[in-house]
Amino acid sequence: MSSKGDAIRTVIAAAAAVAVLGCAEPPKPKPAPVYSERIVLLPNKDGRDSAVIVKRATGDQRISTPYEAVDLVGSKESRNELAQEEVEKRYGGVLEAQPARPFTYTLYFTTGTTELTAASRQSLNEVRSKIKGFPAAQVTVTGHTDRVGGSEANDALSLKRAAAIRDLLVRIGIPRDAIEVVGRGEREPVVQTADGVAEERNRRVEIKLR
């Protein structure tokens, strides 16, 4: 009796399954994908300000704050301020691959010497901090003079100024062979002057990192 009863229940179950299958609706078509995009302003590795202008047929939008975004979903556009943690979590790989932009520092010297001016000495800590945080630094240090003194002496002085700054960079950890030193004498003044005129803005060293 038990075996016969099981057989009957099996037949009933099979019939019910057939009935259910027979009533099943055809699968609904999948909805068409909705186009979406996000434009996020990432911070520069060198700390400088930047901005992006998003141009569309509906108009231009300028975003200038790090982690600010313009989102487009279908035809709906919106602006959003994302959390730094969210951006770093979702786009960490992109952030790591972002190249650092080259930048330049200028330091100034007292007349006829390799001594920095008081203002430039005060900015040295900022320069050191920026350079130490710059990835894979390749540095060019170019010395200049004003037009006081002969051109030959100024060539030598500009090179000495560049070498002095090179030595400073080596002391904070930049490899010596990563630093190119150039002396340009009085050839490339920031301010044009007559011969023999002292001009602090021309007595300088430019540090270029890339």
Foldseek 3Di string as FASTA:
>chain_A
DVVVVVVVVVVVVVVVVVVVVVPDDPDDDDDDAWDKDKDFAAAALLRDWDKDWDDDPVGIDIDTDHQWMWMQTRNDIDIDRDDPVVCCVVPVVVVVPDAHDKDKDKFWDDPPALHTDPVRVVCVVVVLVSVVSHPPKQKEKEFEAAQADDQVSQQVRRQVNSVVVLVVNVVSPDDSVSYHTHYDYHPDAPDDDDHNDHDGSGGMMMMMID
